[in-house]
Amino acid sequence: MPSRTMFGALLAQLRFKNLKLLGLLLMLIWPWSPIGSQAPLRLLSTRNVPIFSNTTIQYVDTMANDAFEAADAVTTILDSANIVYNAALIGTPATKNGTTDTFGNVKIPYMSKLRNKTLDGWRSVPISNDSTSLYSSLIGIPIAIPNAKETNFSLETTYISFDCTKPKTVAHIDTTYDQSSSNGTYRSFNVSDKACDSINVPQWEIALDVFVDEAFEAGGYPGQFIINNMTGIEASQGTLLFQSSTQTLLNGTTLYIISYCKVTQEYVESNVLCDMTQTGQHCGVVAQRPSRLVHTSSNITSLSFPTVFYEAGINWILATGCIARGDMSSQTQAYLQDPSASSVLAGQLVDLTNVSADELEDRLGQLLNTYPQAGHTGRILSSGSGSTGFSGGVRNAIAYMTNFEEVYVVSGGWLALFCIASFTMVSGAICSIWWSSHTRSPDILGYVSSLTRDSRYLHGPAASTMDGLDRAELLKERNIKIGVINRDSEDGLGMIVVSSPQEVTRPTRGAFYL
């Protein structure tokens, strides 16, 4: 009876300290009962299986068009562009340093800031960034990104970079407003003619000394030379003159901080990775390399076209509005000194003499690239149609998507254990049927220790008050058998009893016994 359960069989072997083949067999068979009952519960599990696919996405083409290339179209985007630009200026550090802007557009890094160049030209982008100067613009590229768990694609974009001299304090350098002047002359524009009077006009300006020939002014972007198969055109590198007022002397002369910046149009290929999490989709450029497409000379920039230079330049200066008084600087000037929002909103007269050449070229380039991007983003936002509101030039890219599908998985190990346990239990049941059909004595065995105590034909210690297991342990060396005794009695009926094997005989099938 103790062996009718797994723990009973184990306890009997430990108690009797008499391990034999039958006991060992019982201990090997019984564990398959709980294993067999647990295996079906663990057969099936779920697992996320990646599903790979690709699709074509669209993004704003910064190579083929400029938001300010057509003067008559500027007024339609000016208000929204100014709103987006000012929002970028006062953004949080997390937004300015992050991989995307406030609107989820992917920001493009300065390639000159990246290191760890690989054999195929890719440069990895730092995962964590605490510097605003890493990115070429505060506003990213509008992209129609699909909703997938993971999305990977490459963008072909362009931005303007500067190589500036150390800012120095001098008197104002005169420039000409005559857009027909020859190259070599710094050409600018009169901001006072646009909106503000001479007192409230922002006290900073830009001028450029090299423009494209009149024959190429139509179109207003460097990519037109590629479209017209004019890739061999060479051009002199332009220099941007930056001037920012700093103080007025007693004689009435206003001093300016000036810097001369060489202008370059950079063409890059950026690899973007998007990941869908519980908080939304997070995207960012993870690697970058020089563009492998055919491009015109990097000396020909968006600013090389007079219309773009005038419309973008004058509206960029006025994007933060007219200043309230003459002894304060605009938000753009404040950003050049310190990109933090508190500095931008301080409303004080800034001094750029402590700004290094590297800081000036990074920040000035950022803001110059930000304003056209603000025009693209503002146009999309004002359309109210999200990424489907792209207008003008767009580029296509192949996006490789990974989604995960939950599937049921059968555990091979648990399936094998279930099959073994089932076979063992079925085999035990079949053996039980076989033994029942071949057993002549009735199945009256309960606790054997109790039978030895109550049988008058089994001689041994009385110990009627002993515990059953204690009695069984006491008699563990004793052989007993269920058989027939007194078969030669007067009535001819034998008795089935428990006794020693020598005192009983085997029952006969079909006979009657007491």
Protein backbone atom coordinates (compact mmCIF):
# COMPACT_ATOMS: atom_id res chain seq x y z
CA MET A 1 0.00 0.00 0.00
CA PRO A 2 2.73 2.62 0.67
CA SER A 3 3.85 2.16 -2.93
CA ARG A 4 0.52 3.30 -4.36
CA THR A 5 1.79 6.88 -4.39
CA MET A 6 5.13 8.30 -5.51
CA PHE A 7 6.06 9.67 -2.12
CA GLY A 8 4.77 6.52 -0.41
CA ALA A 9 7.09 4.40 -2.54
CA LEU A 10 10.02 6.71 -1.80
CA LEU A 11 9.22 6.77 1.94
CA ALA A 12 8.99 2.98 2.09
CA GLN A 13 12.44 2.58 0.54
CA LEU A 14 13.96 5.15 2.86
CA ARG A 15 12.24 3.65 5.91
CA PHE A 16 13.10 0.02 5.21
CA LYS A 17 16.63 0.73 3.97
CA ASN A 18 16.36 -2.34 1.82
CA LEU A 19 16.54 -1.22 -1.80
CA LYS A 20 15.86 -4.04 -4.23
CA LEU A 21 15.05 -4.28 -7.91
CA LEU A 22 11.29 -3.96 -7.36
CA GLY A 23 11.72 -0.91 -5.16
CA LEU A 24 14.09 0.68 -7.65
CA LEU A 25 11.63 -0.01 -10.45
CA LEU A 26 8.81 1.63 -8.50
CA MET A 27 10.93 4.70 -7.82
CA LEU A 28 11.76 5.00 -11.52
CA ILE A 29 8.15 4.59 -12.65
CA TRP A 30 6.33 6.80 -10.16
CA PRO A 31 7.97 10.18 -11.14
CA TRP A 32 6.42 9.85 -14.59
CA SER A 33 2.99 10.42 -13.08
CA PRO A 34 3.56 14.08 -12.02
CA ILE A 35 5.76 14.64 -15.07
CA GLY A 36 2.98 13.37 -17.31
CA SER A 37 0.43 15.66 -15.65
CA GLN A 38 2.66 18.75 -15.94
CA ALA A 39 3.92 18.16 -19.48
CA PRO A 40 0.64 19.09 -21.28
CA LEU A 41 0.59 22.38 -19.39
CA ARG A 42 4.02 23.26 -20.74
CA LEU A 43 3.79 21.88 -24.25
CA LEU A 44 2.69 25.16 -25.82
CA SER A 45 4.27 28.58 -25.43
CA THR A 46 4.21 31.79 -27.46
CA ARG A 47 7.09 33.44 -29.27
CA ASN A 48 7.47 36.56 -31.41
CA VAL A 49 8.61 35.63 -34.90
CA PRO A 50 10.08 38.44 -37.09
CA ILE A 51 8.24 39.15 -40.34
CA PHE A 52 10.40 40.99 -42.87
CA SER A 53 9.03 43.23 -45.62
CA ASN A 54 9.88 46.41 -47.48
CA THR A 55 8.04 49.38 -48.86
CA THR A 56 8.70 52.69 -50.58
CA ILE A 57 8.58 55.83 -48.45
CA GLN A 58 8.78 59.51 -49.35
CA TYR A 59 10.64 62.38 -47.75
CA VAL A 60 11.25 66.04 -48.57
CA ASP A 61 14.04 66.41 -51.12
CA THR A 62 16.48 68.99 -49.80
CA MET A 63 18.62 68.53 -52.92
CA ALA A 64 16.00 69.40 -55.50
CA ASN A 65 14.18 72.37 -54.08
CA ASP A 66 14.36 75.11 -51.53
CA ALA A 67 11.44 76.44 -49.55
CA PHE A 68 12.42 80.00 -50.60
CA GLU A 69 13.36 79.46 -54.24
CA ALA A 70 10.23 81.22 -55.58
CA ALA A 71 9.58 84.74 -54.28
CA ASP A 72 5.85 84.61 -54.98
CA ALA A 73 5.47 81.39 -52.94
CA VAL A 74 7.29 82.64 -49.85
CA THR A 75 4.29 84.50 -48.42
CA THR A 76 2.28 81.25 -48.25
CA ILE A 77 4.73 79.62 -45.85
CA LEU A 78 6.21 82.61 -44.03
CA ASP A 79 3.95 82.62 -40.97
CA SER A 80 4.19 78.89 -40.36
CA ALA A 81 7.94 78.88 -41.05
CA ASN A 82 8.52 81.64 -38.49
CA ILE A 83 6.43 79.79 -35.88
CA VAL A 84 8.37 76.56 -36.40
CA TYR A 85 11.71 78.40 -36.36
CA ASN A 86 10.99 80.22 -33.09
CA ALA A 87 9.69 77.03 -31.50
CA ALA A 88 12.99 75.35 -32.40
CA LEU A 89 15.01 78.21 -30.87
CA ILE A 90 13.34 77.86 -27.46
CA GLY A 91 13.13 74.07 -27.47
CA THR A 92 14.21 71.99 -24.50
CA PRO A 93 17.78 70.63 -24.32
CA ALA A 94 16.39 67.11 -24.85
CA THR A 95 14.77 68.23 -28.11
CA LYS A 96 17.77 70.22 -29.33
CA ASN A 97 20.14 67.34 -28.56
CA GLY A 98 17.75 64.59 -29.63
CA THR A 99 17.58 62.60 -32.84
CA THR A 100 14.25 64.14 -33.87
CA ASP A 101 12.68 67.55 -33.56
CA THR A 102 9.43 68.49 -31.80
CA PHE A 103 7.41 67.27 -34.80
CA GLY A 104 9.12 63.89 -35.10
CA ASN A 105 11.24 64.83 -38.13
CA VAL A 106 14.62 63.08 -38.29
CA LYS A 107 17.57 65.43 -37.77
CA ILE A 108 20.71 65.08 -39.91
CA PRO A 109 24.09 65.24 -38.10
CA TYR A 110 27.11 67.22 -39.20
CA MET A 111 29.28 64.56 -40.81
CA SER A 112 32.40 66.44 -39.67
CA LYS A 113 31.39 65.67 -36.06
CA LEU A 114 31.37 61.89 -36.57
CA ARG A 115 34.27 59.56 -36.04
CA ASN A 116 34.85 55.76 -36.26
CA LYS A 117 34.89 55.59 -40.04
CA THR A 118 34.41 52.09 -41.50
CA LEU A 119 35.89 50.64 -44.70
CA ASP A 120 32.76 51.46 -46.72
CA GLY A 121 32.74 55.07 -45.54
CA TRP A 122 30.03 54.85 -42.87
CA ARG A 123 30.55 56.80 -39.68
CA SER A 124 28.57 55.82 -36.61
CA VAL A 125 26.46 58.39 -34.77
CA PRO A 126 26.82 58.49 -30.96
CA ILE A 127 23.91 56.80 -29.17
CA SER A 128 23.92 59.40 -26.40
CA ASN A 129 24.48 63.05 -27.16
CA ASP A 130 24.64 66.02 -24.82
CA SER A 131 25.78 68.55 -27.41
CA THR A 132 23.46 70.65 -29.55
CA SER A 133 26.21 71.12 -32.15
CA LEU A 134 26.05 67.51 -33.37
CA TYR A 135 23.13 68.18 -35.72
CA SER A 136 23.17 70.38 -38.79
CA SER A 137 19.69 71.74 -38.09
CA LEU A 138 17.24 72.11 -35.23
CA ILE A 139 14.48 70.92 -37.60
CA GLY A 140 14.64 67.50 -39.21
CA ILE A 141 13.58 66.05 -42.55
CA PRO A 142 9.83 65.37 -42.90
CA ILE A 143 9.44 61.66 -43.71
CA ALA A 144 6.39 59.45 -44.24
CA ILE A 145 7.51 56.63 -41.91
CA PRO A 146 5.40 53.43 -41.82
CA ASN A 147 4.20 52.02 -38.53
CA ALA A 148 6.39 48.98 -37.99
CA LYS A 149 8.22 47.51 -35.04
CA GLU A 150 11.54 48.31 -36.69
CA THR A 151 12.16 50.31 -39.86
CA ASN A 152 15.50 50.92 -41.55
CA PHE A 153 16.18 53.16 -44.55
CA SER A 154 18.67 55.63 -45.99
CA LEU A 155 18.17 59.31 -46.81
CA GLU A 156 20.02 61.40 -49.40
CA THR A 157 20.12 64.95 -48.05
CA THR A 158 22.18 68.11 -48.16
CA TYR A 159 22.97 70.94 -45.79
CA ILE A 160 25.21 74.00 -45.67
CA SER A 161 28.32 74.03 -43.50
CA PHE A 162 30.61 76.92 -42.56
CA ASP A 163 34.29 77.31 -41.85
CA CYS A 164 34.43 80.58 -39.91
CA THR A 165 37.17 82.82 -38.62
CA LYS A 166 37.38 83.80 -34.96
CA PRO A 167 34.83 86.56 -34.29
CA LYS A 168 36.44 89.96 -33.81
CA THR A 169 35.18 93.42 -32.96
CA VAL A 170 35.41 96.07 -35.70
CA ALA A 171 33.39 98.88 -37.17
CA HIS A 172 30.56 97.98 -39.51
CA ILE A 173 31.65 96.73 -42.94
CA ASP A 174 29.59 98.25 -45.72
CA THR A 175 27.93 95.94 -48.23
CA THR A 176 25.94 96.63 -51.37
CA TYR A 177 22.25 96.05 -51.95
CA ASP A 178 22.75 95.89 -55.69
CA GLN A 179 22.04 92.30 -56.65
CA SER A 180 23.57 92.82 -60.08
CA SER A 181 27.03 93.54 -58.67
CA SER A 182 29.88 91.36 -59.84
CA ASN A 183 31.33 88.52 -57.82
CA GLY A 184 33.88 89.54 -55.25
CA THR A 185 31.59 92.21 -53.84
CA TYR A 186 29.67 91.41 -50.63
CA ARG A 187 26.01 91.65 -51.52
CA SER A 188 23.31 91.92 -48.87
CA PHE A 189 19.78 93.33 -48.51
CA ASN A 190 18.07 96.16 -46.68
CA VAL A 191 16.02 94.63 -43.89
CA SER A 192 14.42 98.00 -43.09
CA ASP A 193 12.70 97.94 -46.45
CA LYS A 194 10.96 94.70 -45.56
CA ALA A 195 9.22 95.39 -42.27
CA CYS A 196 11.07 97.08 -39.42
CA ASP A 197 12.25 100.67 -39.21
CA SER A 198 15.93 101.46 -38.70
CA ILE A 199 15.61 101.51 -34.90
CA ASN A 200 13.79 98.21 -34.43
CA VAL A 201 15.49 96.17 -37.12
CA PRO A 202 17.49 93.19 -35.75
CA GLN A 203 21.08 94.31 -35.47
CA TRP A 204 22.77 91.57 -37.45
CA GLU A 205 23.21 90.82 -41.11
CA ILE A 206 24.79 88.49 -43.64
CA ALA A 207 26.39 89.14 -47.03
CA LEU A 208 27.80 86.85 -49.72
CA ASP A 209 30.49 87.52 -52.28
CA VAL A 210 29.93 84.79 -54.93
CA PHE A 211 26.74 84.01 -56.87
CA VAL A 212 25.93 81.94 -59.94
CA ASP A 213 25.81 83.59 -63.35
CA GLU A 214 22.53 85.11 -64.45
CA ALA A 215 22.05 82.27 -66.93
CA PHE A 216 21.65 79.82 -64.05
CA GLU A 217 19.55 81.88 -61.67
CA ALA A 218 16.27 80.33 -62.82
CA GLY A 219 15.38 77.28 -60.76
CA GLY A 220 17.24 78.34 -57.68
CA TYR A 221 18.89 75.16 -56.43
CA PRO A 222 22.17 73.32 -57.05
CA GLY A 223 20.41 70.18 -58.26
CA GLN A 224 19.39 71.86 -61.52
CA PHE A 225 22.91 71.32 -62.82
CA ILE A 226 22.50 67.55 -62.36
CA ILE A 227 19.11 67.55 -64.06
CA ASN A 228 20.58 69.41 -67.03
CA ASN A 229 23.61 67.09 -67.12
CA MET A 230 26.02 69.91 -66.29
CA THR A 231 28.09 68.12 -63.64
CA GLY A 232 31.45 69.48 -64.79
CA ILE A 233 30.78 73.10 -63.82
CA GLU A 234 33.34 74.54 -61.45
CA ALA A 235 32.75 77.48 -59.15
CA SER A 236 34.68 79.57 -56.67
CA GLN A 237 33.88 79.01 -53.05
CA GLY A 238 31.75 81.75 -51.57
CA THR A 239 32.43 83.55 -48.31
CA LEU A 240 29.64 84.66 -46.02
CA LEU A 241 30.21 87.84 -44.05
CA PHE A 242 28.44 87.72 -40.70
CA GLN A 243 28.03 90.95 -38.69
CA SER A 244 26.34 91.38 -35.31
CA SER A 245 26.16 94.64 -33.39
CA THR A 246 27.63 94.58 -29.90
CA GLN A 247 27.89 98.13 -28.50
CA THR A 248 27.66 101.81 -29.40
CA LEU A 249 30.56 104.14 -28.55
CA LEU A 250 30.17 107.64 -27.16
CA ASN A 251 30.82 109.14 -30.59
CA GLY A 252 27.84 107.22 -31.91
CA THR A 253 29.82 104.53 -33.73
CA THR A 254 28.35 101.07 -33.41
CA LEU A 255 30.83 98.22 -33.11
CA TYR A 256 30.14 94.85 -34.69
CA ILE A 257 31.30 91.32 -34.14
CA ILE A 258 32.26 89.99 -37.57
CA SER A 259 33.36 86.66 -38.96
CA TYR A 260 34.15 85.44 -42.45
CA CYS A 261 32.76 81.99 -43.17
CA LYS A 262 33.59 79.77 -46.14
CA VAL A 263 30.36 78.19 -47.42
CA THR A 264 30.09 74.54 -48.50
CA GLN A 265 27.11 72.49 -49.65
CA GLU A 266 27.49 69.06 -48.04
CA TYR A 267 25.85 65.96 -49.58
CA VAL A 268 25.40 62.98 -47.26
CA GLU A 269 23.70 59.62 -47.07
CA SER A 270 22.20 58.93 -43.65
CA ASN A 271 21.06 55.54 -42.40
CA VAL A 272 17.96 55.87 -40.22
CA LEU A 273 16.62 53.32 -37.73
CA CYS A 274 13.12 53.61 -36.28
CA ASP A 275 11.93 51.54 -33.35
CA MET A 276 8.34 51.27 -32.13
CA THR A 277 8.03 51.19 -28.33
CA GLN A 278 5.18 51.58 -25.88
CA THR A 279 5.70 55.35 -25.87
CA GLY A 280 5.63 55.65 -29.66
CA GLN A 281 7.98 55.53 -32.61
CA HIS A 282 11.55 56.66 -32.05
CA CYS A 283 13.80 57.39 -35.03
CA GLY A 284 17.31 58.62 -35.51
CA VAL A 285 20.31 58.58 -37.80
CA VAL A 286 22.64 55.76 -36.72
CA ALA A 287 25.31 56.08 -39.43
CA GLN A 288 26.33 58.53 -42.13
CA ARG A 289 28.68 58.70 -45.11
CA PRO A 290 29.32 61.02 -48.05
CA SER A 291 26.66 60.72 -50.73
CA ARG A 292 27.58 58.36 -53.57
CA LEU A 293 25.25 60.06 -56.03
CA VAL A 294 26.47 62.46 -58.68
CA HIS A 295 26.42 66.06 -57.47
CA THR A 296 27.57 69.42 -58.67
CA SER A 297 30.46 71.25 -57.04
CA SER A 298 30.05 71.74 -53.29
CA ASN A 299 31.05 75.38 -53.84
CA ILE A 300 27.65 75.93 -55.48
CA THR A 301 25.26 76.26 -52.56
CA SER A 302 21.61 77.19 -52.14
CA LEU A 303 22.79 80.67 -51.16
CA SER A 304 24.56 81.00 -54.51
CA PHE A 305 21.21 81.82 -56.13
CA PRO A 306 20.23 85.45 -55.57
CA THR A 307 16.49 84.75 -55.13
CA VAL A 308 17.08 82.13 -52.45
CA PHE A 309 19.73 84.25 -50.74
CA TYR A 310 17.46 87.28 -50.64
CA GLU A 311 14.20 85.57 -49.65
CA ALA A 312 15.72 83.14 -47.17
CA GLY A 313 18.21 85.63 -45.76
CA ILE A 314 15.95 88.59 -45.16
CA ASN A 315 13.09 86.49 -43.78
CA TRP A 316 15.52 84.55 -41.60
CA ILE A 317 16.73 87.78 -39.99
CA LEU A 318 13.14 88.94 -39.46
CA ALA A 319 11.85 85.52 -38.32
CA THR A 320 12.15 86.49 -34.64
CA GLY A 321 10.37 89.80 -35.25
CA CYS A 322 11.48 93.37 -34.86
CA ILE A 323 13.37 94.13 -31.66
CA ALA A 324 11.64 96.21 -29.00
CA ARG A 325 14.54 98.63 -28.50
CA GLY A 326 18.00 99.29 -29.82
CA ASP A 327 19.91 97.94 -26.80
CA MET A 328 18.78 94.36 -27.14
CA SER A 329 19.61 91.50 -29.51
CA SER A 330 17.33 89.16 -31.40
CA GLN A 331 16.70 85.55 -30.36
CA THR A 332 18.91 84.37 -33.24
CA GLN A 333 21.87 86.39 -31.94
CA ALA A 334 21.21 85.12 -28.43
CA TYR A 335 21.29 81.52 -29.69
CA LEU A 336 24.66 82.10 -31.30
CA GLN A 337 26.01 83.11 -27.91
CA ASP A 338 24.26 80.38 -25.88
CA PRO A 339 21.78 77.82 -27.31
CA SER A 340 19.87 77.43 -24.03
CA ALA A 341 16.26 78.62 -23.99
CA SER A 342 16.91 80.92 -21.03
CA SER A 343 19.56 82.77 -23.02
CA VAL A 344 17.38 82.99 -26.13
CA LEU A 345 14.51 84.50 -24.14
CA ALA A 346 16.64 86.83 -22.01
CA GLY A 347 16.11 89.87 -24.26
CA GLN A 348 19.55 91.33 -23.64
CA LEU A 349 22.35 92.68 -25.80
CA VAL A 350 24.66 89.76 -26.51
CA ASP A 351 28.42 89.85 -26.93
CA LEU A 352 29.79 87.21 -29.31
CA THR A 353 33.46 87.97 -28.64
CA ASN A 354 33.69 84.95 -26.32
CA VAL A 355 32.23 82.59 -28.92
CA SER A 356 34.88 80.44 -30.57
CA ALA A 357 35.15 79.98 -34.33
CA ASP A 358 33.99 76.35 -34.02
CA GLU A 359 30.96 77.32 -31.94
CA LEU A 360 29.99 80.11 -34.31
CA GLU A 361 30.23 78.00 -37.46
CA ASP A 362 28.24 75.15 -35.86
CA ARG A 363 25.46 77.37 -34.51
CA LEU A 364 25.27 79.69 -37.51
CA GLY A 365 25.09 76.69 -39.84
CA GLN A 366 22.42 75.11 -37.69
CA LEU A 367 20.18 78.16 -37.82
CA LEU A 368 20.75 78.78 -41.52
CA ASN A 369 19.73 75.16 -42.25
CA THR A 370 16.88 75.32 -39.75
CA TYR A 371 15.00 78.14 -41.43
CA PRO A 372 14.45 76.43 -44.83
CA GLN A 373 13.57 73.23 -43.00
CA ALA A 374 11.09 75.21 -40.92
CA GLY A 375 9.56 76.32 -44.23
CA HIS A 376 9.08 72.70 -45.33
CA THR A 377 7.71 71.60 -41.96
CA GLY A 378 5.48 74.65 -41.63
CA ARG A 379 4.03 74.02 -45.07
CA ILE A 380 3.18 70.42 -44.12
CA LEU A 381 1.68 71.44 -40.78
CA SER A 382 -0.41 74.20 -42.34
CA SER A 383 -1.80 71.72 -44.89
CA GLY A 384 -3.30 69.70 -42.05
CA SER A 385 -2.55 66.44 -43.84
CA GLY A 386 0.63 65.31 -42.08
CA SER A 387 3.23 63.57 -44.17
CA THR A 388 0.79 63.30 -47.07
CA GLY A 389 1.01 67.08 -47.40
CA PHE A 390 4.43 66.98 -49.05
CA SER A 391 4.62 69.43 -51.89
CA GLY A 392 7.43 70.35 -54.20
CA GLY A 393 10.28 67.89 -54.59
CA VAL A 394 10.20 64.57 -52.81
CA ARG A 395 12.56 61.61 -52.88
CA ASN A 396 11.77 57.92 -52.55
CA ALA A 397 13.60 55.46 -50.35
CA ILE A 398 13.25 51.74 -49.75
CA ALA A 399 12.33 51.07 -46.13
CA TYR A 400 13.06 47.64 -44.71
CA MET A 401 10.50 46.80 -42.06
CA THR A 402 10.47 44.20 -39.32
CA ASN A 403 7.24 43.29 -37.55
CA PHE A 404 6.79 40.57 -34.98
CA GLU A 405 3.98 38.02 -35.07
CA GLU A 406 3.04 35.99 -32.00
CA VAL A 407 2.96 32.24 -32.77
CA TYR A 408 2.48 29.08 -30.74
CA VAL A 409 5.59 26.97 -30.24
CA VAL A 410 5.62 23.27 -29.24
CA SER A 411 8.38 22.37 -26.80
CA GLY A 412 10.24 19.33 -28.08
CA GLY A 413 11.53 18.41 -24.63
CA TRP A 414 8.16 18.55 -22.92
CA LEU A 415 6.57 16.68 -25.82
CA ALA A 416 9.11 13.88 -25.43
CA LEU A 417 8.51 13.73 -21.66
CA PHE A 418 4.75 13.65 -22.23
CA CYS A 419 5.07 10.77 -24.69
CA ILE A 420 7.34 8.78 -22.31
CA ALA A 421 5.02 9.43 -19.35
CA SER A 422 1.97 8.43 -21.35
CA PHE A 423 3.67 5.24 -22.55
CA THR A 424 4.74 4.39 -19.00
CA MET A 425 1.29 4.96 -17.54
CA VAL A 426 -0.43 3.00 -20.33
CA SER A 427 2.09 0.18 -19.94
CA GLY A 428 1.41 0.11 -16.21
CA ALA A 429 -2.33 -0.07 -16.84
CA ILE A 430 -1.88 -2.94 -19.32
CA CYS A 431 0.35 -4.79 -16.87
CA SER A 432 -2.26 -4.28 -14.15
CA ILE A 433 -4.89 -5.89 -16.39
CA TRP A 434 -2.57 -8.80 -17.16
CA TRP A 435 -1.71 -9.42 -13.51
CA SER A 436 -5.39 -9.22 -12.52
CA SER A 437 -6.30 -11.86 -15.09
CA HIS A 438 -3.53 -14.20 -13.95
CA THR A 439 -3.94 -13.81 -10.19
CA ARG A 440 -5.75 -16.71 -8.50
CA SER A 441 -5.98 -15.23 -5.04
CA PRO A 442 -8.49 -12.49 -4.38
CA ASP A 443 -7.18 -8.93 -4.32
CA ILE A 444 -7.47 -8.43 -0.58
CA LEU A 445 -4.08 -6.92 0.12
CA GLY A 446 -4.45 -3.69 1.96
CA TYR A 447 -1.74 -2.74 4.37
CA VAL A 448 0.26 -5.98 4.70
CA SER A 449 1.34 -5.08 8.24
CA SER A 450 -2.32 -5.14 9.32
CA LEU A 451 -2.86 -8.58 7.75
CA THR A 452 0.15 -10.00 9.61
CA ARG A 453 -1.23 -8.68 12.86
CA ASP A 454 -4.72 -10.14 12.38
CA SER A 455 -3.76 -13.49 10.84
CA ARG A 456 -3.79 -16.45 13.31
CA TYR A 457 -1.82 -18.52 10.84
CA LEU A 458 1.20 -16.27 10.79
CA HIS A 459 3.43 -16.74 13.78
CA GLY A 460 5.58 -13.84 14.88
CA PRO A 461 5.76 -10.96 17.35
CA ALA A 462 2.39 -9.74 18.51
CA ALA A 463 3.15 -6.03 18.68
CA SER A 464 -0.50 -5.26 18.10
CA THR A 465 -0.05 -1.65 19.21
CA MET A 466 2.80 -0.89 16.84
CA ASP A 467 2.43 1.58 13.98
CA GLY A 468 1.90 -0.09 10.61
CA LEU A 469 5.22 1.07 9.17
CA ASP A 470 7.05 0.11 12.35
CA ARG A 471 5.56 -3.37 12.17
CA ALA A 472 6.38 -3.65 8.48
CA GLU A 473 9.97 -2.63 9.23
CA LEU A 474 10.11 -5.25 11.98
CA LEU A 475 8.96 -7.97 9.59
CA LYS A 476 10.84 -6.78 6.51
CA GLU A 477 12.87 -10.01 6.30
CA ARG A 478 9.79 -12.22 6.66
CA ASN A 479 8.31 -13.91 3.54
CA ILE A 480 4.53 -14.26 3.43
CA LYS A 481 2.05 -15.58 0.92
CA ILE A 482 -1.69 -15.64 0.36
CA GLY A 483 -2.77 -19.22 -0.16
CA VAL A 484 -5.05 -22.09 0.85
CA ILE A 485 -4.91 -23.92 4.17
CA ASN A 486 -7.00 -26.79 5.61
CA ARG A 487 -8.09 -28.04 2.20
CA ASP A 488 -8.63 -31.53 3.72
CA SER A 489 -11.24 -30.38 6.25
CA GLU A 490 -14.52 -32.25 6.70
CA ASP A 491 -16.52 -29.88 4.51
CA GLY A 492 -13.78 -29.98 1.87
CA LEU A 493 -13.51 -26.19 1.78
CA GLY A 494 -10.14 -24.67 2.31
CA MET A 495 -9.45 -21.24 3.70
CA ILE A 496 -7.54 -18.45 2.02
CA VAL A 497 -5.22 -16.97 4.59
CA VAL A 498 -1.95 -15.07 4.96
CA SER A 499 0.79 -17.31 6.19
CA SER A 500 4.28 -18.54 5.51
CA PRO A 501 4.87 -19.86 1.97
CA GLN A 502 5.53 -23.37 3.38
CA GLU A 503 2.13 -23.59 5.05
CA VAL A 504 -0.14 -22.63 2.16
CA THR A 505 -0.81 -23.93 -1.33
CA ARG A 506 -1.92 -22.21 -4.46
CA PRO A 507 -5.67 -21.70 -4.92
CA THR A 508 -7.39 -23.68 -7.68
CA ARG A 509 -9.51 -21.91 -10.26
CA GLY A 510 -13.24 -22.73 -9.97
CA ALA A 511 -12.94 -23.96 -6.38
CA PHE A 512 -14.78 -22.54 -3.38
CA TYR A 513 -12.95 -21.28 -0.32
CA LEU A 514 -13.82 -19.75 2.98
